[in-house]
């Protein structure tokens, strides 16, 4: 497992021409769990998890908190190996999401 603070609020996973994109709102200046992480990745031999985390909240009785993720799945994304591939193939797909 690894985690980061991701100010952009999106992460992606690419496999066999399919691109999975996940977005969540980021609150600048908020405190996040796990040493300030709002995105975490876990992998083992059978799976890969791309997780978003919401900011820490102190709730009074009767109060609620909400953490919303938005997901997209794209097909026919061409594969690439160089870092410029992210700019040319991944970012255009991410930029179509709202």
N, C-alpha and C. Protein backbone atom coordinates (compact mmCIF):
# COMPACT_ATOMS: atom_id res chain seq x y z
N UNK A 1 0.85 -1.17 0.00
CA UNK A 1 0.00 0.00 0.00
C UNK A 1 0.89 1.23 0.00
N UNK A 2 0.47 2.22 -0.76
CA UNK A 2 1.17 3.50 -0.81
C UNK A 2 0.12 4.59 -0.86
N UNK A 3 0.46 5.76 -0.33
CA UNK A 3 -0.47 6.87 -0.34
C UNK A 3 0.23 8.19 -0.59
N UNK A 4 -0.54 9.14 -1.10
CA UNK A 4 -0.03 10.48 -1.37
C UNK A 4 -1.13 11.50 -1.11
N UNK A 5 -0.73 12.76 -1.02
CA UNK A 5 -1.70 13.85 -1.13
C UNK A 5 -1.69 14.27 -2.59
N UNK A 6 -2.82 14.13 -3.24
CA UNK A 6 -2.96 14.40 -4.67
C UNK A 6 -3.82 15.65 -4.85
N UNK A 7 -3.22 16.81 -5.10
CA UNK A 7 -4.01 18.04 -5.20
C UNK A 7 -4.93 18.09 -6.41
N UNK A 8 -4.70 17.22 -7.40
CA UNK A 8 -5.53 17.22 -8.61
C UNK A 8 -6.85 16.48 -8.43
N UNK A 9 -6.92 15.57 -7.46
CA UNK A 9 -8.18 14.90 -7.16
C UNK A 9 -8.56 13.78 -8.10
N UNK A 10 -7.64 13.31 -8.94
CA UNK A 10 -7.97 12.19 -9.81
C UNK A 10 -6.82 11.19 -9.85
N UNK A 11 -7.20 9.95 -10.09
CA UNK A 11 -6.25 8.87 -10.30
C UNK A 11 -6.77 8.00 -11.42
N UNK A 12 -5.88 7.22 -12.02
CA UNK A 12 -6.29 6.39 -13.16
C UNK A 12 -5.54 5.07 -13.15
N UNK A 13 -6.15 4.09 -13.79
CA UNK A 13 -5.57 2.77 -13.96
C UNK A 13 -5.78 2.36 -15.42
N UNK A 14 -4.72 1.94 -16.09
CA UNK A 14 -4.79 1.56 -17.50
C UNK A 14 -4.44 0.09 -17.65
N UNK A 15 -5.24 -0.62 -18.47
CA UNK A 15 -4.95 -2.02 -18.76
C UNK A 15 -5.64 -2.42 -20.06
N UNK A 16 -4.90 -2.99 -20.96
CA UNK A 16 -5.44 -3.56 -22.20
C UNK A 16 -6.38 -2.60 -22.94
N UNK A 17 -5.97 -1.36 -23.10
CA UNK A 17 -6.77 -0.40 -23.85
C UNK A 17 -7.90 0.24 -23.08
N UNK A 18 -8.11 -0.15 -21.83
CA UNK A 18 -9.16 0.42 -21.00
C UNK A 18 -8.53 1.33 -19.95
N UNK A 19 -9.15 2.48 -19.73
CA UNK A 19 -8.68 3.44 -18.74
C UNK A 19 -9.78 3.70 -17.74
N UNK A 20 -9.51 3.41 -16.48
CA UNK A 20 -10.43 3.70 -15.39
C UNK A 20 -9.95 4.97 -14.71
N UNK A 21 -10.85 5.95 -14.57
CA UNK A 21 -10.52 7.22 -13.92
C UNK A 21 -11.45 7.40 -12.73
N UNK A 22 -10.86 7.82 -11.63
CA UNK A 22 -11.63 8.07 -10.41
C UNK A 22 -11.29 9.48 -9.92
N UNK A 23 -12.33 10.26 -9.57
CA UNK A 23 -12.14 11.62 -9.06
C UNK A 23 -12.87 11.80 -7.74
N UNK A 24 -12.31 12.66 -6.90
CA UNK A 24 -12.94 13.07 -5.66
C UNK A 24 -12.51 14.51 -5.37
N UNK A 25 -13.36 15.27 -4.72
CA UNK A 25 -13.02 16.64 -4.37
C UNK A 25 -11.85 16.67 -3.39
N UNK A 26 -11.05 17.70 -3.50
CA UNK A 26 -9.91 17.92 -2.60
C UNK A 26 -10.16 19.22 -1.86
N UNK A 27 -10.01 19.20 -0.54
CA UNK A 27 -10.17 20.40 0.26
C UNK A 27 -8.79 20.89 0.68
N UNK A 28 -8.38 21.98 0.07
CA UNK A 28 -7.08 22.57 0.38
C UNK A 28 -7.05 22.99 1.86
N UNK A 29 -5.99 22.64 2.54
CA UNK A 29 -5.83 23.01 3.94
C UNK A 29 -6.50 22.07 4.93
N UNK A 30 -7.31 21.13 4.44
CA UNK A 30 -7.97 20.17 5.34
C UNK A 30 -6.96 19.11 5.79
N UNK A 31 -7.25 18.47 6.91
CA UNK A 31 -6.42 17.37 7.40
C UNK A 31 -7.00 16.06 6.87
N UNK A 32 -6.09 15.24 6.34
CA UNK A 32 -6.48 13.95 5.78
C UNK A 32 -5.86 12.82 6.61
N UNK A 33 -6.47 11.63 6.59
CA UNK A 33 -5.94 10.50 7.36
C UNK A 33 -4.63 9.97 6.78
N UNK A 34 -4.07 9.00 7.46
CA UNK A 34 -2.88 8.29 6.98
C UNK A 34 -1.76 9.24 6.58
N UNK A 35 -1.43 10.14 7.50
CA UNK A 35 -0.32 11.08 7.30
C UNK A 35 -0.59 12.06 6.15
N UNK A 36 -1.85 12.44 5.98
CA UNK A 36 -2.20 13.46 5.00
C UNK A 36 -2.53 12.95 3.62
N UNK A 37 -2.87 11.68 3.49
CA UNK A 37 -3.15 11.09 2.17
C UNK A 37 -4.62 11.25 1.78
N UNK A 38 -4.84 11.63 0.52
CA UNK A 38 -6.21 11.61 -0.02
C UNK A 38 -6.36 10.58 -1.14
N UNK A 39 -5.25 9.97 -1.56
CA UNK A 39 -5.27 8.88 -2.53
C UNK A 39 -4.34 7.78 -2.03
N UNK A 40 -4.82 6.54 -2.11
CA UNK A 40 -4.01 5.39 -1.73
C UNK A 40 -4.16 4.29 -2.77
N UNK A 41 -3.10 3.54 -2.95
CA UNK A 41 -3.10 2.41 -3.88
C UNK A 41 -2.66 1.17 -3.11
N UNK A 42 -3.39 0.09 -3.33
CA UNK A 42 -3.02 -1.20 -2.76
C UNK A 42 -3.02 -2.21 -3.89
N UNK A 43 -2.03 -3.08 -3.90
CA UNK A 43 -2.00 -4.13 -4.91
C UNK A 43 -1.47 -5.42 -4.31
N UNK A 44 -1.94 -6.52 -4.85
CA UNK A 44 -1.40 -7.84 -4.54
C UNK A 44 -1.48 -8.66 -5.82
N UNK A 45 -1.28 -9.94 -5.73
CA UNK A 45 -1.25 -10.79 -6.92
C UNK A 45 -2.59 -10.87 -7.65
N UNK A 46 -3.68 -10.50 -6.97
CA UNK A 46 -5.02 -10.67 -7.55
C UNK A 46 -5.78 -9.39 -7.81
N UNK A 47 -5.31 -8.26 -7.29
CA UNK A 47 -6.11 -7.05 -7.43
C UNK A 47 -5.27 -5.79 -7.30
N UNK A 48 -5.88 -4.70 -7.72
CA UNK A 48 -5.32 -3.37 -7.53
C UNK A 48 -6.47 -2.49 -7.05
N UNK A 49 -6.25 -1.77 -5.96
CA UNK A 49 -7.27 -0.85 -5.45
C UNK A 49 -6.76 0.57 -5.58
N UNK A 50 -7.59 1.43 -6.09
CA UNK A 50 -7.33 2.86 -6.18
C UNK A 50 -8.35 3.53 -5.28
N UNK A 51 -7.91 4.03 -4.13
CA UNK A 51 -8.82 4.52 -3.10
C UNK A 51 -8.69 6.03 -2.94
N UNK A 52 -9.81 6.70 -2.74
CA UNK A 52 -9.80 8.11 -2.35
C UNK A 52 -10.21 8.20 -0.89
N UNK A 53 -9.67 9.20 -0.22
CA UNK A 53 -10.01 9.43 1.19
C UNK A 53 -10.50 10.86 1.34
N UNK A 54 -11.49 11.03 2.19
CA UNK A 54 -12.01 12.36 2.48
C UNK A 54 -11.28 12.95 3.67
N UNK A 55 -11.45 14.26 3.88
CA UNK A 55 -10.80 14.90 5.01
C UNK A 55 -11.40 14.43 6.34
N UNK A 56 -10.58 14.53 7.38
CA UNK A 56 -11.04 14.17 8.72
C UNK A 56 -12.06 15.20 9.19
N UNK A 57 -13.09 14.73 9.87
CA UNK A 57 -14.15 15.59 10.39
C UNK A 57 -14.48 15.20 11.82
N UNK A 58 -14.78 16.18 12.65
CA UNK A 58 -15.36 15.94 13.96
C UNK A 58 -16.86 16.20 13.83
N UNK A 59 -17.65 15.17 14.02
CA UNK A 59 -19.10 15.29 13.87
C UNK A 59 -19.78 15.24 15.22
N UNK A 60 -20.77 16.08 15.37
CA UNK A 60 -21.61 16.06 16.56
C UNK A 60 -22.75 15.08 16.31
N UNK A 61 -23.40 14.62 17.36
CA UNK A 61 -24.54 13.71 17.17
C UNK A 61 -25.56 14.31 16.20
N UNK A 62 -25.96 13.49 15.23
CA UNK A 62 -26.94 13.91 14.24
C UNK A 62 -26.33 14.54 12.99
N UNK A 63 -25.05 14.91 13.04
CA UNK A 63 -24.40 15.47 11.86
C UNK A 63 -23.93 14.34 10.94
N UNK A 64 -23.74 14.66 9.67
CA UNK A 64 -23.28 13.68 8.70
C UNK A 64 -22.12 14.25 7.89
N UNK A 65 -21.40 13.37 7.28
CA UNK A 65 -20.35 13.74 6.33
C UNK A 65 -20.57 12.91 5.08
N UNK A 66 -20.12 13.43 3.97
CA UNK A 66 -20.31 12.75 2.70
C UNK A 66 -19.01 12.79 1.91
N UNK A 67 -18.67 11.67 1.31
CA UNK A 67 -17.49 11.58 0.45
C UNK A 67 -17.95 10.98 -0.87
N UNK A 68 -17.84 11.75 -1.95
CA UNK A 68 -18.35 11.32 -3.25
C UNK A 68 -17.18 11.05 -4.19
N UNK A 69 -17.21 9.89 -4.82
CA UNK A 69 -16.29 9.54 -5.89
C UNK A 69 -17.08 9.52 -7.19
N UNK A 70 -16.41 9.94 -8.25
CA UNK A 70 -17.00 9.81 -9.58
C UNK A 70 -16.06 8.92 -10.40
N UNK A 71 -16.66 7.99 -11.16
CA UNK A 71 -15.88 7.01 -11.92
C UNK A 71 -16.21 7.11 -13.40
N UNK A 72 -15.19 6.88 -14.23
CA UNK A 72 -15.34 6.80 -15.68
C UNK A 72 -14.53 5.63 -16.19
N UNK A 73 -15.00 5.01 -17.24
CA UNK A 73 -14.27 3.94 -17.91
C UNK A 73 -14.22 4.28 -19.39
N UNK A 74 -13.00 4.36 -19.92
CA UNK A 74 -12.78 4.66 -21.33
C UNK A 74 -12.24 3.41 -22.01
N UNK A 75 -12.59 3.24 -23.28
CA UNK A 75 -12.06 2.11 -24.04
C UNK A 75 -11.27 2.65 -25.24
N UNK A 76 -10.53 1.77 -25.84
CA UNK A 76 -9.74 2.10 -27.03
C UNK A 76 -8.71 3.20 -26.79
N UNK A 77 -8.11 3.19 -25.61
CA UNK A 77 -7.01 4.10 -25.31
C UNK A 77 -5.73 3.40 -25.76
N UNK A 78 -4.96 4.07 -26.58
CA UNK A 78 -3.74 3.43 -27.07
C UNK A 78 -2.70 3.36 -25.96
N UNK A 79 -1.95 2.30 -25.97
CA UNK A 79 -0.90 2.08 -24.97
C UNK A 79 0.33 2.90 -25.33
N UNK A 80 1.12 3.19 -24.32
CA UNK A 80 2.37 3.91 -24.52
C UNK A 80 3.32 3.61 -23.38
N UNK A 81 4.56 3.96 -23.58
CA UNK A 81 5.56 3.67 -22.55
C UNK A 81 6.26 4.90 -22.01
N UNK A 82 6.43 5.93 -22.81
CA UNK A 82 7.14 7.12 -22.37
C UNK A 82 6.23 8.00 -21.53
N UNK A 83 6.82 8.85 -20.73
CA UNK A 83 6.03 9.75 -19.88
C UNK A 83 5.12 10.66 -20.71
N UNK A 84 5.53 11.02 -21.90
CA UNK A 84 4.70 11.88 -22.75
C UNK A 84 3.38 11.20 -23.12
N UNK A 85 3.31 9.88 -23.00
CA UNK A 85 2.07 9.13 -23.26
C UNK A 85 0.95 9.61 -22.33
N UNK A 86 1.28 9.91 -21.09
CA UNK A 86 0.26 10.41 -20.16
C UNK A 86 -0.32 11.72 -20.70
N UNK A 87 0.53 12.61 -21.16
CA UNK A 87 0.06 13.89 -21.70
C UNK A 87 -0.76 13.71 -22.96
N UNK A 88 -0.37 12.78 -23.82
CA UNK A 88 -1.04 12.65 -25.12
C UNK A 88 -2.26 11.74 -25.10
N UNK A 89 -2.32 10.76 -24.21
CA UNK A 89 -3.42 9.78 -24.23
C UNK A 89 -4.30 9.83 -22.98
N UNK A 90 -3.70 10.02 -21.81
CA UNK A 90 -4.46 9.95 -20.56
C UNK A 90 -5.11 11.29 -20.23
N UNK A 91 -4.33 12.37 -20.24
CA UNK A 91 -4.89 13.68 -19.87
C UNK A 91 -6.07 14.10 -20.74
N UNK A 92 -6.05 13.89 -22.05
CA UNK A 92 -7.25 14.26 -22.82
C UNK A 92 -8.51 13.52 -22.36
N UNK A 93 -8.40 12.27 -21.98
CA UNK A 93 -9.55 11.52 -21.47
C UNK A 93 -10.00 12.11 -20.12
N UNK A 94 -9.05 12.36 -19.23
CA UNK A 94 -9.38 12.91 -17.92
C UNK A 94 -10.05 14.28 -18.06
N UNK A 95 -9.60 15.07 -19.00
CA UNK A 95 -10.15 16.42 -19.18
C UNK A 95 -11.59 16.41 -19.70
N UNK A 96 -12.07 15.29 -20.21
CA UNK A 96 -13.47 15.21 -20.64
C UNK A 96 -14.41 14.94 -19.48
N UNK A 97 -13.87 14.59 -18.31
CA UNK A 97 -14.69 14.26 -17.15
C UNK A 97 -15.04 15.53 -16.38
N UNK A 98 -16.14 15.51 -15.71
CA UNK A 98 -16.58 16.65 -14.90
C UNK A 98 -16.67 16.27 -13.45
